[in-house]
N, C-alpha and C. Protein backbone atom coordinates (compact mmCIF):
# COMPACT_ATOMS: atom_id res chain seq x y z
N MET A 1 -35.34 46.90 -12.15
CA MET A 1 -34.79 48.02 -11.40
C MET A 1 -35.72 48.36 -10.24
N TYR A 2 -35.13 48.67 -9.10
CA TYR A 2 -35.89 49.01 -7.91
C TYR A 2 -35.18 50.18 -7.24
N GLN A 3 -35.94 51.18 -6.79
CA GLN A 3 -35.31 52.31 -6.12
C GLN A 3 -36.20 52.86 -5.02
N ARG A 4 -35.54 53.47 -4.05
CA ARG A 4 -36.24 54.13 -2.94
C ARG A 4 -35.42 55.34 -2.52
N SER A 5 -36.10 56.30 -1.93
CA SER A 5 -35.43 57.49 -1.41
C SER A 5 -35.47 57.46 0.11
N VAL A 6 -34.47 58.10 0.71
CA VAL A 6 -34.35 58.16 2.16
C VAL A 6 -33.55 59.41 2.50
N VAL A 7 -33.76 59.96 3.70
CA VAL A 7 -33.04 61.15 4.15
C VAL A 7 -31.92 60.73 5.10
N ILE A 8 -30.72 61.30 4.88
CA ILE A 8 -29.57 61.03 5.76
C ILE A 8 -29.91 61.55 7.15
N GLN A 9 -29.86 60.67 8.15
CA GLN A 9 -30.28 61.00 9.51
C GLN A 9 -29.14 61.42 10.44
N ASN A 10 -27.99 60.76 10.32
CA ASN A 10 -26.95 61.00 11.33
C ASN A 10 -26.34 62.39 11.20
N GLN A 11 -26.03 62.97 12.35
CA GLN A 11 -25.62 64.36 12.45
C GLN A 11 -24.38 64.68 11.63
N SER A 12 -23.46 63.76 11.52
CA SER A 12 -22.21 64.01 10.79
C SER A 12 -22.31 63.64 9.31
N GLY A 13 -23.46 63.24 8.86
CA GLY A 13 -23.62 62.86 7.46
C GLY A 13 -22.96 61.53 7.17
N LEU A 14 -22.67 61.31 5.91
CA LEU A 14 -22.07 60.04 5.48
C LEU A 14 -20.55 60.21 5.45
N HIS A 15 -19.94 60.28 6.63
CA HIS A 15 -18.48 60.39 6.73
C HIS A 15 -17.87 59.00 6.65
N ALA A 16 -16.58 58.87 6.91
CA ALA A 16 -15.84 57.63 6.64
C ALA A 16 -16.43 56.37 7.29
N ARG A 17 -16.78 56.41 8.57
CA ARG A 17 -17.26 55.20 9.22
C ARG A 17 -18.61 54.73 8.66
N PRO A 18 -19.63 55.58 8.61
CA PRO A 18 -20.88 55.10 8.03
C PRO A 18 -20.76 54.78 6.54
N ALA A 19 -19.92 55.51 5.82
CA ALA A 19 -19.73 55.20 4.40
C ALA A 19 -19.12 53.81 4.24
N SER A 20 -18.18 53.48 5.11
CA SER A 20 -17.56 52.16 5.08
C SER A 20 -18.60 51.07 5.37
N GLU A 21 -19.45 51.34 6.34
CA GLU A 21 -20.51 50.39 6.69
C GLU A 21 -21.50 50.22 5.53
N PHE A 22 -21.82 51.34 4.88
CA PHE A 22 -22.74 51.31 3.74
C PHE A 22 -22.15 50.47 2.59
N VAL A 23 -20.88 50.72 2.28
CA VAL A 23 -20.20 49.98 1.20
C VAL A 23 -20.10 48.50 1.53
N ARG A 24 -19.82 48.18 2.79
CA ARG A 24 -19.74 46.78 3.22
C ARG A 24 -21.09 46.09 3.03
N CYS A 25 -22.16 46.77 3.40
CA CYS A 25 -23.50 46.21 3.23
C CYS A 25 -23.82 46.04 1.74
N ALA A 26 -23.56 47.07 0.95
CA ALA A 26 -23.84 47.01 -0.49
C ALA A 26 -23.05 45.89 -1.16
N GLY A 27 -21.82 45.68 -0.70
CA GLY A 27 -20.97 44.65 -1.28
C GLY A 27 -21.47 43.24 -1.07
N GLY A 28 -22.40 43.07 -0.16
CA GLY A 28 -22.96 41.76 0.12
C GLY A 28 -24.06 41.34 -0.86
N PHE A 29 -24.36 42.21 -1.80
CA PHE A 29 -25.42 41.92 -2.77
C PHE A 29 -24.85 41.79 -4.18
N ARG A 30 -25.53 41.02 -5.00
CA ARG A 30 -25.07 40.78 -6.37
C ARG A 30 -25.50 41.89 -7.33
N SER A 31 -26.55 42.61 -6.99
CA SER A 31 -27.08 43.65 -7.87
C SER A 31 -26.10 44.80 -8.05
N ARG A 32 -26.27 45.51 -9.16
CA ARG A 32 -25.54 46.77 -9.37
C ARG A 32 -26.32 47.83 -8.59
N ILE A 33 -25.63 48.56 -7.71
CA ILE A 33 -26.30 49.52 -6.83
C ILE A 33 -25.66 50.89 -6.98
N THR A 34 -26.51 51.92 -7.12
CA THR A 34 -26.02 53.29 -7.16
C THR A 34 -26.75 54.11 -6.11
N ILE A 35 -26.12 55.22 -5.72
CA ILE A 35 -26.72 56.16 -4.78
C ILE A 35 -26.41 57.57 -5.27
N GLY A 36 -27.35 58.47 -5.07
CA GLY A 36 -27.14 59.86 -5.44
C GLY A 36 -28.17 60.75 -4.77
N ARG A 37 -27.88 62.04 -4.78
CA ARG A 37 -28.86 62.99 -4.25
C ARG A 37 -30.12 62.91 -5.10
N THR A 38 -31.26 62.88 -4.46
CA THR A 38 -32.53 62.83 -5.18
C THR A 38 -32.63 64.05 -6.09
N GLY A 39 -32.93 63.82 -7.36
CA GLY A 39 -33.07 64.91 -8.32
C GLY A 39 -31.79 65.26 -9.04
N SER A 40 -30.67 64.69 -8.64
CA SER A 40 -29.38 64.96 -9.28
C SER A 40 -29.02 63.82 -10.22
N GLU A 41 -28.33 64.15 -11.29
CA GLU A 41 -27.88 63.10 -12.21
C GLU A 41 -26.59 62.44 -11.73
N LYS A 42 -25.88 63.07 -10.80
CA LYS A 42 -24.62 62.51 -10.30
C LYS A 42 -24.93 61.33 -9.38
N LYS A 43 -24.45 60.17 -9.78
CA LYS A 43 -24.65 58.94 -9.01
C LYS A 43 -23.29 58.33 -8.70
N ALA A 44 -23.24 57.54 -7.64
CA ALA A 44 -22.01 56.85 -7.26
C ALA A 44 -22.27 55.36 -7.15
N ASN A 45 -21.27 54.59 -7.47
CA ASN A 45 -21.31 53.15 -7.25
C ASN A 45 -21.36 52.93 -5.74
N ALA A 46 -22.40 52.29 -5.26
CA ALA A 46 -22.58 52.11 -3.81
C ALA A 46 -21.58 51.14 -3.21
N LYS A 47 -20.80 50.47 -4.04
CA LYS A 47 -19.81 49.51 -3.56
C LYS A 47 -18.40 50.11 -3.54
N SER A 48 -18.30 51.42 -3.81
CA SER A 48 -17.01 52.13 -3.83
C SER A 48 -17.02 53.25 -2.80
N ILE A 49 -16.19 53.12 -1.78
CA ILE A 49 -16.17 54.15 -0.73
C ILE A 49 -15.67 55.48 -1.28
N VAL A 50 -14.72 55.46 -2.20
CA VAL A 50 -14.21 56.70 -2.78
C VAL A 50 -15.32 57.43 -3.52
N MET A 51 -16.05 56.71 -4.35
CA MET A 51 -17.16 57.31 -5.10
C MET A 51 -18.24 57.84 -4.15
N LEU A 52 -18.54 57.07 -3.12
CA LEU A 52 -19.57 57.46 -2.16
C LEU A 52 -19.19 58.74 -1.43
N LEU A 53 -17.95 58.84 -0.99
CA LEU A 53 -17.50 60.02 -0.25
C LEU A 53 -17.49 61.27 -1.13
N THR A 54 -17.31 61.12 -2.44
CA THR A 54 -17.31 62.30 -3.33
C THR A 54 -18.69 62.97 -3.39
N LEU A 55 -19.73 62.27 -2.99
CA LEU A 55 -21.07 62.86 -2.99
C LEU A 55 -21.26 63.86 -1.85
N ALA A 56 -20.41 63.79 -0.81
CA ALA A 56 -20.48 64.71 0.34
C ALA A 56 -21.90 64.81 0.89
N LEU A 57 -22.45 63.68 1.30
CA LEU A 57 -23.83 63.62 1.78
C LEU A 57 -23.90 64.02 3.25
N VAL A 58 -24.64 65.08 3.54
CA VAL A 58 -24.76 65.61 4.89
C VAL A 58 -26.15 65.31 5.46
N GLN A 59 -26.29 65.52 6.77
CA GLN A 59 -27.57 65.30 7.43
C GLN A 59 -28.66 66.11 6.73
N GLY A 60 -29.81 65.48 6.51
CA GLY A 60 -30.93 66.15 5.88
C GLY A 60 -31.00 66.00 4.37
N THR A 61 -29.94 65.45 3.77
CA THR A 61 -29.92 65.25 2.32
C THR A 61 -30.79 64.05 1.95
N GLU A 62 -31.66 64.23 0.98
CA GLU A 62 -32.44 63.10 0.49
C GLU A 62 -31.66 62.42 -0.63
N VAL A 63 -31.49 61.12 -0.50
CA VAL A 63 -30.77 60.34 -1.51
C VAL A 63 -31.70 59.29 -2.09
N THR A 64 -31.38 58.88 -3.31
CA THR A 64 -32.10 57.79 -3.95
C THR A 64 -31.13 56.65 -4.18
N ILE A 65 -31.51 55.47 -3.74
CA ILE A 65 -30.72 54.27 -3.92
C ILE A 65 -31.42 53.43 -4.98
N THR A 66 -30.67 53.02 -5.99
CA THR A 66 -31.21 52.25 -7.10
C THR A 66 -30.41 50.97 -7.26
N ALA A 67 -31.09 49.87 -7.46
CA ALA A 67 -30.41 48.59 -7.70
C ALA A 67 -31.04 47.90 -8.90
N ASN A 68 -30.20 47.14 -9.58
CA ASN A 68 -30.65 46.39 -10.74
C ASN A 68 -29.99 45.02 -10.68
N GLY A 69 -30.80 43.98 -10.50
CA GLY A 69 -30.24 42.64 -10.43
C GLY A 69 -31.15 41.70 -9.66
N GLU A 70 -30.66 40.51 -9.44
CA GLU A 70 -31.49 39.45 -8.85
C GLU A 70 -31.95 39.72 -7.42
N ASP A 71 -31.17 40.49 -6.66
CA ASP A 71 -31.54 40.77 -5.27
C ASP A 71 -31.78 42.27 -5.04
N GLU A 72 -32.25 42.96 -6.08
CA GLU A 72 -32.38 44.42 -6.04
C GLU A 72 -33.26 44.93 -4.91
N GLU A 73 -34.41 44.34 -4.69
CA GLU A 73 -35.30 44.83 -3.64
C GLU A 73 -34.71 44.63 -2.25
N THR A 74 -34.14 43.47 -2.01
CA THR A 74 -33.52 43.19 -0.72
C THR A 74 -32.36 44.15 -0.47
N ALA A 75 -31.57 44.41 -1.50
CA ALA A 75 -30.41 45.30 -1.38
C ALA A 75 -30.84 46.72 -1.02
N VAL A 76 -31.76 47.26 -1.80
CA VAL A 76 -32.21 48.64 -1.56
C VAL A 76 -32.86 48.76 -0.19
N ASP A 77 -33.71 47.83 0.16
CA ASP A 77 -34.38 47.88 1.46
C ASP A 77 -33.38 47.83 2.61
N ALA A 78 -32.35 47.02 2.50
CA ALA A 78 -31.33 46.92 3.56
C ALA A 78 -30.55 48.23 3.69
N LEU A 79 -30.21 48.84 2.57
CA LEU A 79 -29.45 50.09 2.60
C LEU A 79 -30.30 51.26 3.09
N VAL A 80 -31.57 51.29 2.72
CA VAL A 80 -32.48 52.32 3.22
C VAL A 80 -32.62 52.19 4.74
N GLU A 81 -32.75 50.98 5.22
CA GLU A 81 -32.86 50.74 6.66
C GLU A 81 -31.60 51.21 7.39
N LEU A 82 -30.44 50.94 6.82
CA LEU A 82 -29.17 51.36 7.41
C LEU A 82 -29.11 52.88 7.54
N ILE A 83 -29.49 53.58 6.49
CA ILE A 83 -29.46 55.04 6.52
C ILE A 83 -30.53 55.59 7.45
N SER A 84 -31.73 55.06 7.39
CA SER A 84 -32.84 55.61 8.18
C SER A 84 -32.64 55.42 9.68
N THR A 85 -31.83 54.46 10.07
CA THR A 85 -31.54 54.26 11.50
C THR A 85 -30.27 54.99 11.93
N GLY A 86 -29.68 55.79 11.03
CA GLY A 86 -28.52 56.60 11.40
C GLY A 86 -27.25 55.81 11.63
N PHE A 87 -27.15 54.62 11.07
CA PHE A 87 -25.95 53.80 11.19
C PHE A 87 -25.60 53.50 12.64
N GLY A 88 -26.58 53.57 13.51
CA GLY A 88 -26.35 53.26 14.92
C GLY A 88 -25.62 54.36 15.68
N GLU A 89 -25.51 55.54 15.09
CA GLU A 89 -24.81 56.64 15.78
C GLU A 89 -25.74 57.38 16.71
């Protein structure tokens, strides 16, 4: 298991377009990946846009991304990079 925390940077939070981009990126990895607000027990499958959007992640929210599997470190690092750069917005 590998996990890292990151703060949502983009002004509109994780709305439909960045959520779709996040899910697309997560789907490229074999590991099981979850995301949730840091300190909260509520987690979402990072490969499900519906689950991701239910978290209602806004700018400034710290999230923890956790992966378990053969490419866990690569997966988490790629998703943290995506969030930390604001999805190019």
